[in-house]
C-alpha atoms as a PDB file:
ATOM      1  CA  UNK A   1     -21.691  19.384   9.992  1.00  0.00           C
ATOM      2  CA  UNK A   2     -18.828  19.817  12.384  1.00  0.00           C
ATOM      3  CA  UNK A   3     -17.921  23.566  12.819  1.00  0.00           C
ATOM      4  CA  UNK A   4     -14.198  24.914  12.411  1.00  0.00           C
ATOM      5  CA  UNK A   5     -13.082  27.610  13.973  1.00  0.00           C
ATOM      6  CA  UNK A   6      -9.556  29.293  13.294  1.00  0.00           C
ATOM      7  CA  UNK A   7      -7.932  31.472  16.347  1.00  0.00           C
ATOM      8  CA  UNK A   8      -5.686  33.607  15.506  1.00  0.00           C
ATOM      9  CA  UNK A   9      -4.497  35.479  19.285  1.00  0.00           C
ATOM     10  CA  UNK A  10      -6.104  35.668  22.597  1.00  0.00           C
ATOM     11  CA  UNK A  11      -8.379  38.594  21.197  1.00  0.00           C
ATOM     12  CA  UNK A  12     -10.500  36.241  18.767  1.00  0.00           C
ATOM     13  CA  UNK A  13     -13.725  36.290  20.452  1.00  0.00           C
ATOM     14  CA  UNK A  14     -13.444  40.054  21.732  1.00  0.00           C
ATOM     15  CA  UNK A  15     -14.560  38.902  25.069  1.00  0.00           C
ATOM     16  CA  UNK A  16     -17.728  36.809  24.261  1.00  0.00           C
ATOM     17  CA  UNK A  17     -18.212  33.522  25.752  1.00  0.00           C
ATOM     18  CA  UNK A  18     -18.781  30.602  22.914  1.00  0.00           C
ATOM     19  CA  UNK A  19     -21.426  28.142  23.252  1.00  0.00           C
ATOM     20  CA  UNK A  20     -20.936  25.658  26.234  1.00  0.00           C
ATOM     21  CA  UNK A  21     -18.698  22.741  25.099  1.00  0.00           C
ATOM     22  CA  UNK A  22     -16.542  19.595  26.627  1.00  0.00           C
ATOM     23  CA  UNK A  23     -13.583  20.613  25.475  1.00  0.00           C
ATOM     24  CA  UNK A  24     -10.957  17.860  24.317  1.00  0.00           C
ATOM     25  CA  UNK A  25      -7.258  19.352  24.564  1.00  0.00           C
ATOM     26  CA  UNK A  26      -4.577  18.582  21.964  1.00  0.00           C
ATOM     27  CA  UNK A  27      -2.656  18.041  18.805  1.00  0.00           C
ATOM     28  CA  UNK A  28      -4.652  14.993  17.353  1.00  0.00           C
ATOM     29  CA  UNK A  29      -2.535  14.370  14.730  1.00  0.00           C
ATOM     30  CA  UNK A  30      -3.198  10.887  13.545  1.00  0.00           C
ATOM     31  CA  UNK A  31      -6.641  10.634  15.503  1.00  0.00           C
ATOM     32  CA  UNK A  32      -5.193   7.094  16.754  1.00  0.00           C
ATOM     33  CA  UNK A  33      -6.721   4.951  19.583  1.00  0.00           C
ATOM     34  CA  UNK A  34      -5.403   6.957  22.198  1.00  0.00           C
ATOM     35  CA  UNK A  35      -6.532  10.034  20.835  1.00  0.00           C
ATOM     36  CA  UNK A  36     -10.171   8.189  20.402  1.00  0.00           C
ATOM     37  CA  UNK A  37     -10.069   7.357  24.167  1.00  0.00           C
ATOM     38  CA  UNK A  38      -9.975  11.228  24.906  1.00  0.00           C
ATOM     39  CA  UNK A  39     -12.974  11.457  22.790  1.00  0.00           C
ATOM     40  CA  UNK A  40     -14.815   9.157  24.261  1.00  0.00           C
ATOM     41  CA  UNK A  41     -14.588  10.028  27.549  1.00  0.00           C
ATOM     42  CA  UNK A  42     -15.766  13.699  26.047  1.00  0.00           C
ATOM     43  CA  UNK A  43     -18.542  11.805  24.515  1.00  0.00           C
ATOM     44  CA  UNK A  44     -19.358  10.563  28.480  1.00  0.00           C
ATOM     45  CA  UNK A  45     -19.146  13.909  30.085  1.00  0.00           C
ATOM     46  CA  UNK A  46     -21.150  15.221  27.250  1.00  0.00           C
ATOM     47  CA  UNK A  47     -23.611  12.237  28.594  1.00  0.00           C
ATOM     48  CA  UNK A  48     -23.292  13.570  31.633  1.00  0.00           C
ATOM     49  CA  UNK A  49     -23.586  17.334  32.006  1.00  0.00           C
ATOM     50  CA  UNK A  50     -26.960  19.099  30.107  1.00  0.00           C
ATOM     51  CA  UNK A  51     -24.631  22.250  30.979  1.00  0.00           C
ATOM     52  CA  UNK A  52     -22.245  21.148  28.338  1.00  0.00           C
ATOM     53  CA  UNK A  53     -23.994  21.166  24.786  1.00  0.00           C
ATOM     54  CA  UNK A  54     -21.590  19.316  22.601  1.00  0.00           C
ATOM     55  CA  UNK A  55     -18.113  17.991  21.993  1.00  0.00           C
ATOM     56  CA  UNK A  56     -15.019  20.424  20.794  1.00  0.00           C
ATOM     57  CA  UNK A  57     -11.643  20.038  20.522  1.00  0.00           C
ATOM     58  CA  UNK A  58      -8.973  22.427  20.838  1.00  0.00           C
ATOM     59  CA  UNK A  59      -6.433  21.539  19.120  1.00  0.00           C
ATOM     60  CA  UNK A  60      -3.281  23.673  16.676  1.00  0.00           C
ATOM     61  CA  UNK A  61      -1.503  24.669  13.615  1.00  0.00           C
ATOM     62  CA  UNK A  62       0.948  24.220  12.723  1.00  0.00           C
ATOM     63  CA  UNK A  63       2.205  21.119  14.713  1.00  0.00           C
ATOM     64  CA  UNK A  64       3.486  22.444  17.667  1.00  0.00           C
ATOM     65  CA  UNK A  65       6.906  20.408  17.247  1.00  0.00           C
ATOM     66  CA  UNK A  66       7.843  22.143  14.121  1.00  0.00           C
ATOM     67  CA  UNK A  67       7.090  25.548  15.759  1.00  0.00           C
ATOM     68  CA  UNK A  68       9.241  24.595  18.582  1.00  0.00           C
ATOM     69  CA  UNK A  69      12.215  22.633  16.804  1.00  0.00           C
ATOM     70  CA  UNK A  70      12.328  23.986  13.677  1.00  0.00           C
ATOM     71  CA  UNK A  71      12.239  19.765  12.614  1.00  0.00           C
ATOM     72  CA  UNK A  72      10.928  20.428   9.291  1.00  0.00           C
ATOM     73  CA  UNK A  73       9.608  16.118   9.579  1.00  0.00           C
ATOM     74  CA  UNK A  74       6.700  17.795  10.653  1.00  0.00           C
ATOM     75  CA  UNK A  75       5.632  19.990   8.503  1.00  0.00           C
ATOM     76  CA  UNK A  76       4.065  16.193   7.103  1.00  0.00           C
ATOM     77  CA  UNK A  77       0.726  15.079   9.446  1.00  0.00           C
ATOM     78  CA  UNK A  78      -0.030  11.763   9.304  1.00  0.00           C
ATOM     79  CA  UNK A  79      -3.684  13.239   9.675  1.00  0.00           C
ATOM     80  CA  UNK A  80      -3.596  17.063   7.440  1.00  0.00           C
ATOM     81  CA  UNK A  81      -6.329  19.162   8.537  1.00  0.00           C
ATOM     82  CA  UNK A  82      -9.100  17.801   5.882  1.00  0.00           C
ATOM     83  CA  UNK A  83      -8.216  14.668   7.171  1.00  0.00           C
ATOM     84  CA  UNK A  84      -8.216  15.186  11.016  1.00  0.00           C
ATOM     85  CA  UNK A  85     -11.235  16.864  10.611  1.00  0.00           C
ATOM     86  CA  UNK A  86     -12.901  13.980   9.238  1.00  0.00           C
ATOM     87  CA  UNK A  87     -11.893  12.228  11.709  1.00  0.00           C
ATOM     88  CA  UNK A  88     -12.528  13.925  14.760  1.00  0.00           C
ATOM     89  CA  UNK A  89     -16.450  14.088  13.065  1.00  0.00           C
ATOM     90  CA  UNK A  90     -16.415  10.554  13.174  1.00  0.00           C
ATOM     91  CA  UNK A  91     -15.700  10.187  16.734  1.00  0.00           C
ATOM     92  CA  UNK A  92     -18.437  12.738  18.157  1.00  0.00           C
ATOM     93  CA  UNK A  93     -16.818  16.027  17.515  1.00  0.00           C
ATOM     94  CA  UNK A  94     -19.204  19.037  16.859  1.00  0.00           C
ATOM     95  CA  UNK A  95     -17.013  21.865  16.629  1.00  0.00           C
ATOM     96  CA  UNK A  96     -13.085  22.202  16.168  1.00  0.00           C
ATOM     97  CA  UNK A  97     -11.108  25.105  17.881  1.00  0.00           C
ATOM     98  CA  UNK A  98      -8.004  25.579  15.530  1.00  0.00           C
ATOM     99  CA  UNK A  99      -5.466  27.792  17.786  1.00  0.00           C
ATOM    100  CA  UNK A 100      -2.457  29.058  15.192  1.00  0.00           C
ATOM    101  CA  UNK A 101       0.815  27.754  17.349  1.00  0.00           C
ATOM    102  CA  UNK A 102       3.224  30.754  17.230  1.00  0.00           C
ATOM    103  CA  UNK A 103       5.401  32.709  19.499  1.00  0.00           C
ATOM    104  CA  UNK A 104       2.219  34.138  20.976  1.00  0.00           C
ATOM    105  CA  UNK A 105       0.515  31.169  22.130  1.00  0.00           C
ATOM    106  CA  UNK A 106       3.941  29.771  22.884  1.00  0.00           C
ATOM    107  CA  UNK A 107       4.420  32.340  25.244  1.00  0.00           C
ATOM    108  CA  UNK A 108       0.760  32.645  26.788  1.00  0.00           C
ATOM    109  CA  UNK A 109       0.966  31.699  30.950  1.00  0.00           C
ATOM    110  CA  UNK A 110      -0.746  29.164  31.804  1.00  0.00           C
ATOM    111  CA  UNK A 111      -3.476  31.794  34.028  1.00  0.00           C
ATOM    112  CA  UNK A 112      -3.599  33.339  30.386  1.00  0.00           C
ATOM    113  CA  UNK A 113      -4.736  30.482  28.642  1.00  0.00           C
ATOM    114  CA  UNK A 114      -7.557  29.414  31.089  1.00  0.00           C
ATOM    115  CA  UNK A 115      -8.185  33.164  30.671  1.00  0.00           C
ATOM    116  CA  UNK A 116      -7.890  33.873  27.263  1.00  0.00           C
ATOM    117  CA  UNK A 117      -8.962  30.502  25.213  1.00  0.00           C
ATOM    118  CA  UNK A 118     -10.533  27.743  27.675  1.00  0.00           C
ATOM    119  CA  UNK A 119     -12.946  30.080  29.765  1.00  0.00           C
ATOM    120  CA  UNK A 120     -14.145  32.095  26.177  1.00  0.00           C
ATOM    121  CA  UNK A 121     -14.330  28.718  24.711  1.00  0.00           C
ATOM    122  CA  UNK A 122     -17.904  28.136  26.905  1.00  0.00           C
ATOM    123  CA  UNK A 123     -15.855  24.908  28.428  1.00  0.00           C
ATOM    124  CA  UNK A 124     -17.862  23.433  30.908  1.00  0.00           C
ATOM    125  CA  UNK A 125     -15.575  20.511  31.454  1.00  0.00           C
ATOM    126  CA  UNK A 126     -11.553  19.736  30.019  1.00  0.00           C
ATOM    127  CA  UNK A 127     -10.523  16.177  29.029  1.00  0.00           C
ATOM    128  CA  UNK A 128      -6.762  15.531  27.978  1.00  0.00           C
ATOM    129  CA  UNK A 129      -4.452  12.964  27.855  1.00  0.00           C
ATOM    130  CA  UNK A 130      -2.156  11.968  30.895  1.00  0.00           C
ATOM    131  CA  UNK A 131       0.913  13.738  29.033  1.00  0.00           C
ATOM    132  CA  UNK A 132      -0.470  17.100  28.551  1.00  0.00           C
ATOM    133  CA  UNK A 133       1.356  19.867  28.648  1.00  0.00           C
ATOM    134  CA  UNK A 134       0.708  23.784  28.617  1.00  0.00           C
ATOM    135  CA  UNK A 135       1.975  27.676  29.256  1.00  0.00           C
ATOM    136  CA  UNK A 136       4.929  29.086  28.390  1.00  0.00           C
ATOM    137  CA  UNK A 137       7.735  26.552  27.589  1.00  0.00           C
ATOM    138  CA  UNK A 138       5.136  23.603  28.275  1.00  0.00           C
ATOM    139  CA  UNK A 139       5.746  24.234  32.079  1.00  0.00           C
ATOM    140  CA  UNK A 140       2.300  23.801  33.474  1.00  0.00           C
ATOM    141  CA  UNK A 141       0.897  20.052  33.525  1.00  0.00           C
ATOM    142  CA  UNK A 142      -2.477  18.644  33.455  1.00  0.00           C
ATOM    143  CA  UNK A 143      -2.699  18.445  37.451  1.00  0.00           C
ATOM    144  CA  UNK A 144      -1.601  22.203  37.367  1.00  0.00           C
ATOM    145  CA  UNK A 145      -5.193  23.156  35.204  1.00  0.00           C
ATOM    146  CA  UNK A 146      -7.549  21.289  37.227  1.00  0.00           C
ATOM    147  CA  UNK A 147      -5.601  23.764  40.163  1.00  0.00           C
ATOM    148  CA  UNK A 148      -6.207  26.457  38.193  1.00  0.00           C
ATOM    149  CA  UNK A 149     -10.480  25.209  36.638  1.00  0.00           C
ATOM    150  CA  UNK A 150     -11.472  24.451  40.381  1.00  0.00           C
ATOM    151  CA  UNK A 151     -12.404  27.537  41.202  1.00  0.00           C
ATOM    152  CA  UNK A 152     -14.797  27.892  38.247  1.00  0.00           C
ATOM    153  CA  UNK A 153     -16.219  24.761  38.391  1.00  0.00           C
ATOM    154  CA  UNK A 154     -14.223  23.437  35.627  1.00  0.00           C
ATOM    155  CA  UNK A 155     -13.600  19.822  35.777  1.00  0.00           C
ATOM    156  CA  UNK A 156     -10.154  18.721  34.246  1.00  0.00           C
ATOM    157  CA  UNK A 157     -10.562  14.582  33.119  1.00  0.00           C
ATOM    158  CA  UNK A 158      -6.912  13.081  32.744  1.00  0.00           C
ATOM    159  CA  UNK A 159      -7.136  10.139  30.347  1.00  0.00           C
ATOM    160  CA  UNK A 160      -4.298   7.658  30.852  1.00  0.00           C
ATOM    161  CA  UNK A 161      -2.143   6.172  27.816  1.00  0.00           C
ATOM    162  CA  UNK A 162      -3.373   3.681  25.759  1.00  0.00           C
ATOM    163  CA  UNK A 163      -0.858   0.664  25.283  1.00  0.00           C
ATOM    164  CA  UNK A 164      -1.294  -1.710  22.453  1.00  0.00           C
ATOM    165  CA  UNK A 165       1.323  -4.848  22.554  1.00  0.00           C
ATOM    166  CA  UNK A 166       2.695  -3.585  25.773  1.00  0.00           C
ATOM    167  CA  UNK A 167       3.803   0.117  23.287  1.00  0.00           C
ATOM    168  CA  UNK A 168       2.674   3.234  24.427  1.00  0.00           C
ATOM    169  CA  UNK A 169       0.139   4.504  21.305  1.00  0.00           C
ATOM    170  CA  UNK A 170       1.541   7.757  20.074  1.00  0.00           C
ATOM    171  CA  UNK A 171       1.292   9.801  17.120  1.00  0.00           C
ATOM    172  CA  UNK A 172       5.267   9.483  17.463  1.00  0.00           C
ATOM    173  CA  UNK A 173       5.442   5.700  17.794  1.00  0.00           C
ATOM    174  CA  UNK A 174       2.781   5.850  14.231  1.00  0.00           C
ATOM    175  CA  UNK A 175       6.292   7.700  12.680  1.00  0.00           C
ATOM    176  CA  UNK A 176       8.407   4.417  13.934  1.00  0.00           C
ATOM    177  CA  UNK A 177       6.248   2.444  12.503  1.00  0.00           C
ATOM    178  CA  UNK A 178       6.030   4.221   8.727  1.00  0.00           C
ATOM    179  CA  UNK A 179       9.604   4.932   8.602  1.00  0.00           C
ATOM    180  CA  UNK A 180      10.370   1.479   8.888  1.00  0.00           C
ATOM    181  CA  UNK A 181       7.159  -0.001   6.731  1.00  0.00           C
ATOM    182  CA  UNK A 182       5.382  -1.562   9.458  1.00  0.00           C
ATOM    183  CA  UNK A 183       2.044  -0.251   7.941  1.00  0.00           C
ATOM    184  CA  UNK A 184       0.390  -3.260  10.505  1.00  0.00           C
ATOM    185  CA  UNK A 185       1.617  -2.325  13.156  1.00  0.00           C
ATOM    186  CA  UNK A 186       1.018   1.478  12.749  1.00  0.00           C
ATOM    187  CA  UNK A 187      -2.904   0.121  11.547  1.00  0.00           C
ATOM    188  CA  UNK A 188      -3.101  -1.446  15.026  1.00  0.00           C
ATOM    189  CA  UNK A 189      -2.260   2.019  16.610  1.00  0.00           C
ATOM    190  CA  UNK A 190      -4.407   3.794  14.610  1.00  0.00           C
ATOM    191  CA  UNK A 191      -7.110   1.616  14.740  1.00  0.00           C
ATOM    192  CA  UNK A 192      -7.877   1.518  10.641  1.00  0.00           C
ATOM    193  CA  UNK A 193      -5.394   1.261   7.955  1.00  0.00           C
ATOM    194  CA  UNK A 194      -2.904   4.329   7.455  1.00  0.00           C
ATOM    195  CA  UNK A 195      -3.744   6.053   4.397  1.00  0.00           C
ATOM    196  CA  UNK A 196      -3.386   9.211   2.273  1.00  0.00           C
ATOM    197  CA  UNK A 197      -5.474  10.967  -0.143  1.00  0.00           C
ATOM    198  CA  UNK A 198      -3.932  12.339  -3.157  1.00  0.00           C
ATOM    199  CA  UNK A 199      -4.641  13.244  -7.346  1.00  0.00           C
ATOM    200  CA  UNK A 200      -4.417  10.718 -10.144  1.00  0.00           C
ATOM    201  CA  UNK A 201      -1.679  12.912 -12.228  1.00  0.00           C
ATOM    202  CA  UNK A 202      -0.379  11.922 -15.875  1.00  0.00           C
ATOM    203  CA  UNK A 203       2.369   9.545 -15.743  1.00  0.00           C
ATOM    204  CA  UNK A 204       5.664   8.557 -18.217  1.00  0.00           C
ATOM    205  CA  UNK A 205       2.817   5.715 -18.702  1.00  0.00           C
ATOM    206  CA  UNK A 206       5.990   2.787 -18.216  1.00  0.00           C
ATOM    207  CA  UNK A 207       3.703   1.066 -16.154  1.00  0.00           C
ATOM    208  CA  UNK A 208       1.614   1.018 -19.162  1.00  0.00           C
ATOM    209  CA  UNK A 209       4.032  -0.239 -21.302  1.00  0.00           C
ATOM    210  CA  UNK A 210       5.220  -3.317 -19.374  1.00  0.00           C
ATOM    211  CA  UNK A 211       1.504  -4.397 -18.840  1.00  0.00           C
ATOM    212  CA  UNK A 212       0.849  -3.166 -15.623  1.00  0.00           C
ATOM    213  CA  UNK A 213      -0.864  -0.001 -15.969  1.00  0.00           C
ATOM    214  CA  UNK A 214      -0.524   2.303 -12.672  1.00  0.00           C
ATOM    215  CA  UNK A 215      -2.148   5.673 -11.213  1.00  0.00           C
ATOM    216  CA  UNK A 216       0.049   8.121 -10.651  1.00  0.00           C
ATOM    217  CA  UNK A 217      -0.740   9.911  -6.821  1.00  0.00           C
ATOM    218  CA  UNK A 218       0.523  13.470  -6.594  1.00  0.00           C
ATOM    219  CA  UNK A 219      -0.281  16.292  -3.812  1.00  0.00           C
ATOM    220  CA  UNK A 220       1.105  14.137  -1.360  1.00  0.00           C
ATOM    221  CA  UNK A 221       3.131  16.787   0.004  1.00  0.00           C
ATOM    222  CA  UNK A 222       1.215  16.858   3.736  1.00  0.00           C
ATOM    223  CA  UNK A 223       1.630  13.680   4.712  1.00  0.00           C
ATOM    224  CA  UNK A 224       3.914  11.683   6.213  1.00  0.00           C
ATOM    225  CA  UNK A 225       4.622   8.785   3.883  1.00  0.00           C
ATOM    226  CA  UNK A 226       6.187   4.839   4.512  1.00  0.00           C
ATOM    227  CA  UNK A 227       9.429   3.808   3.574  1.00  0.00           C
ATOM    228  CA  UNK A 228      10.099   3.341   0.551  1.00  0.00           C
ATOM    229  CA  UNK A 229       8.881   0.141  -1.126  1.00  0.00           C
ATOM    230  CA  UNK A 230       5.977  -1.842  -2.608  1.00  0.00           C
ATOM    231  CA  UNK A 231       2.966  -2.253  -0.596  1.00  0.00           C
ATOM    232  CA  UNK A 232      -0.243  -3.954  -0.988  1.00  0.00           C
ATOM    233  CA  UNK A 233      -3.169  -1.200  -0.875  1.00  0.00           C
ATOM    234  CA  UNK A 234      -6.661  -0.419  -1.329  1.00  0.00           C
ATOM    235  CA  UNK A 235      -7.659   1.904  -3.164  1.00  0.00           C
ATOM    236  CA  UNK A 236     -11.285   4.193  -3.192  1.00  0.00           C
ATOM    237  CA  UNK A 237     -12.583   7.272  -4.875  1.00  0.00           C
ATOM    238  CA  UNK A 238     -13.974   8.611  -1.492  1.00  0.00           C
ATOM    239  CA  UNK A 239     -11.560  10.778   0.001  1.00  0.00           C
ATOM    240  CA  UNK A 240     -11.620   8.724   3.525  1.00  0.00           C
ATOM    241  CA  UNK A 241     -12.604   5.218   2.458  1.00  0.00           C
ATOM    242  CA  UNK A 242     -16.320   5.146   4.000  1.00  0.00           C
ATOM    243  CA  UNK A 243     -17.809   5.108   0.375  1.00  0.00           C
ATOM    244  CA  UNK A 244     -17.698   5.271  -3.662  1.00  0.00           C
ATOM    245  CA  UNK A 245     -15.938   2.482  -5.228  1.00  0.00           C
ATOM    246  CA  UNK A 246     -13.832   0.403  -4.112  1.00  0.00           C
ATOM    247  CA  UNK A 247     -10.559  -1.900  -5.243  1.00  0.00           C
ATOM    248  CA  UNK A 248      -7.015  -3.579  -4.523  1.00  0.00           C
ATOM    249  CA  UNK A 249      -3.366  -2.823  -5.753  1.00  0.00           C
ATOM    250  CA  UNK A 250      -0.278  -3.288  -5.376  1.00  0.00           C
ATOM    251  CA  UNK A 251       1.656   0.105  -4.812  1.00  0.00           C
ATOM    252  CA  UNK A 252       5.249   0.986  -5.581  1.00  0.00           C
ATOM    253  CA  UNK A 253       6.413   3.925  -3.898  1.00  0.00           C
ATOM    254  CA  UNK A 254       9.845   5.634  -4.384  1.00  0.00           C
ATOM    255  CA  UNK A 255      11.989   6.890  -7.127  1.00  0.00           C
ATOM    256  CA  UNK A 256      11.469   4.292  -9.637  1.00  0.00           C
ATOM    257  CA  UNK A 257      15.824   3.499  -9.670  1.00  0.00           C
ATOM    258  CA  UNK A 258      15.015   1.035 -12.591  1.00  0.00           C
ATOM    259  CA  UNK A 259      14.255   3.860 -15.112  1.00  0.00           C
ATOM    260  CA  UNK A 260      16.394   6.581 -13.238  1.00  0.00           C
ATOM    261  CA  UNK A 261      13.827   8.213 -11.547  1.00  0.00           C
ATOM    262  CA  UNK A 262      14.333  11.052  -8.782  1.00  0.00           C
ATOM    263  CA  UNK A 263      11.517  12.271  -7.258  1.00  0.00           C
ATOM    264  CA  UNK A 264       9.619  10.116  -4.566  1.00  0.00           C
ATOM    265  CA  UNK A 265       6.336   8.989  -6.119  1.00  0.00           C
ATOM    266  CA  UNK A 266       3.267   7.436  -5.527  1.00  0.00           C
ATOM    267  CA  UNK A 267       2.157   4.635  -8.787  1.00  0.00           C
ATOM    268  CA  UNK A 268      -0.975   1.863  -8.120  1.00  0.00           C
ATOM    269  CA  UNK A 269      -1.439  -0.906 -10.148  1.00  0.00           C
ATOM    270  CA  UNK A 270      -5.350  -1.539  -9.201  1.00  0.00           C
ATOM    271  CA  UNK A 271      -6.334  -5.268  -9.772  1.00  0.00           C
ATOM    272  CA  UNK A 272      -8.422  -6.327 -11.851  1.00  0.00           C
ATOM    273  CA  UNK A 273      -9.567  -2.925 -13.533  1.00  0.00           C
ATOM    274  CA  UNK A 274      -9.570  -1.104 -16.660  1.00  0.00           C
ATOM    275  CA  UNK A 275     -10.255   2.415 -16.831  1.00  0.00           C
ATOM    276  CA  UNK A 276      -9.152   6.014 -16.767  1.00  0.00           C
ATOM    277  CA  UNK A 277      -8.932   7.469 -13.465  1.00  0.00           C
ATOM    278  CA  UNK A 278      -6.990  10.543 -14.654  1.00  0.00           C
ATOM    279  CA  UNK A 279      -8.287  13.657 -12.440  1.00  0.00           C
ATOM    280  CA  UNK A 280      -9.827  11.459  -9.747  1.00  0.00           C
ATOM    281  CA  UNK A 281      -9.049  11.606  -5.699  1.00  0.00           C
ATOM    282  CA  UNK A 282      -8.057   8.356  -4.856  1.00  0.00           C
ATOM    283  CA  UNK A 283      -7.541   6.894  -1.162  1.00  0.00           C
ATOM    284  CA  UNK A 284      -4.406   5.146  -0.785  1.00  0.00           C
ATOM    285  CA  UNK A 285      -5.048   2.903   2.602  1.00  0.00           C
ATOM    286  CA  UNK A 286      -1.492   0.395   2.934  1.00  0.00           C
ATOM    287  CA  UNK A 287      -2.128  -3.108   4.289  1.00  0.00           C
ATOM    288  CA  UNK A 288       0.981  -5.000   3.717  1.00  0.00           C
ATOM    289  CA  UNK A 289       4.453  -4.522   3.098  1.00  0.00           C
ATOM    290  CA  UNK A 290       5.730  -6.522  -0.250  1.00  0.00           C
ATOM    291  CA  UNK A 291       9.546  -5.571  -0.185  1.00  0.00           C
ATOM    292  CA  UNK A 292      11.646  -2.730  -0.355  1.00  0.00           C
ATOM    293  CA  UNK A 293      12.530  -0.830  -3.973  1.00  0.00           C
ATOM    294  CA  UNK A 294      14.874  -2.312  -6.269  1.00  0.00           C
ATOM    295  CA  UNK A 295      17.129  -1.221  -9.075  1.00  0.00           C
ATOM    296  CA  UNK A 296      16.807  -3.895 -11.558  1.00  0.00           C
ATOM    297  CA  UNK A 297      19.621  -4.797 -14.843  1.00  0.00           C
ATOM    298  CA  UNK A 298      16.575  -4.596 -16.867  1.00  0.00           C
ATOM    299  CA  UNK A 299      12.830  -3.544 -18.197  1.00  0.00           C
ATOM    300  CA  UNK A 300      12.265  -7.018 -18.449  1.00  0.00           C
ATOM    301  CA  UNK A 301      13.699  -8.414 -15.132  1.00  0.00           C
ATOM    302  CA  UNK A 302      11.093  -5.067 -13.586  1.00  0.00           C
ATOM    303  CA  UNK A 303       8.123  -6.686 -15.520  1.00  0.00           C
ATOM    304  CA  UNK A 304       8.936  -9.777 -13.926  1.00  0.00           C
ATOM    305  CA  UNK A 305       8.894  -8.947 -10.699  1.00  0.00           C
ATOM    306  CA  UNK A 306       6.042  -6.714 -11.096  1.00  0.00           C
ATOM    307  CA  UNK A 307       4.525  -9.818 -12.107  1.00  0.00           C
ATOM    308  CA  UNK A 308       4.876 -12.060  -8.861  1.00  0.00           C
ATOM    309  CA  UNK A 309       4.509  -8.777  -7.307  1.00  0.00           C
ATOM    310  CA  UNK A 310       0.552  -8.951  -7.760  1.00  0.00           C
ATOM    311  CA  UNK A 311       0.634 -12.864  -7.618  1.00  0.00           C
ATOM    312  CA  UNK A 312       1.692 -12.507  -3.759  1.00  0.00           C
ATOM    313  CA  UNK A 313      -0.389  -9.193  -3.127  1.00  0.00           C
ATOM    314  CA  UNK A 314      -3.473 -11.644  -4.334  1.00  0.00           C
ATOM    315  CA  UNK A 315      -2.285 -14.516  -2.396  1.00  0.00           C
ATOM    316  CA  UNK A 316      -2.237 -12.097   0.832  1.00  0.00           C
ATOM    317  CA  UNK A 317      -5.971 -10.801  -0.441  1.00  0.00           C
ATOM    318  CA  UNK A 318      -7.311 -14.204  -0.978  1.00  0.00           C
ATOM    319  CA  UNK A 319      -7.894 -13.114  -4.279  1.00  0.00           C
ATOM    320  CA  UNK A 320      -6.422 -16.186  -6.247  1.00  0.00           C
ATOM    321  CA  UNK A 321      -4.775 -16.564  -9.816  1.00  0.00           C
ATOM    322  CA  UNK A 322      -4.702 -13.878 -11.934  1.00  0.00           C
ATOM    323  CA  UNK A 323      -7.009 -14.100 -14.114  1.00  0.00           C
END
């Protein structure tokens, strides 16, 4: 079970040196295949150093880019904290240090970062990505970190960036893919389909009236959402799709212009399912994009299009004709 320790400032440990670890440092939003390479290196360092104890991660909240720029898109994350914690644990992390990224942290000098954070955290070896920056203004590089750590006999391992089809894997690139609806491209960089986890809420039952009942997924404000449109999705009752019941479905993400909707909603029609999921927590993974959201002249036209969307989804999934 991963242990999470929140860090509000440099006095969090009151001079105490915590148990030794291999420490990976970064934002880790998405826990994508580039992050996974960093974590794999941390596990390898642990295997080669009996002093190290366990793999730990030092990460930050809120997203540093939001604090630095005020860009509110970074209030939404690829992996909000519960999900990031889950995926870090899946890749061998036993301890998560979560630093509050604020003005005090931003103004920490490289020397203070070492003395007030890295040494008290018990780092025996450090792993970072090639573009890691730290210290006031982000002016210090991984190479400078290595020089600072050398007198303390703490090696700093720099992991080169990972590429997929010639493109550098990054959280920013995944966000771009999602903004344009390219969920398959996002999946390639994540190493898994992009997904969100939310609560099934009561809707207006419009889909049921059209013959296609939907689960209305709420509590998604913390997630980056793909471009509005219609998608083939996988649906699970387990938070991160590792157990529980499983279905496929067709999801509409948007404002439902045909019925003059305003608020953005995620509605999912489950294939070959009948039942009541109100109050359930569902994991929705975006597999393929079918089309853009569109305003239809009538509900009859909308019903016809939904029927076509369902058939397209079944063909994409190899499920054959609607029973």
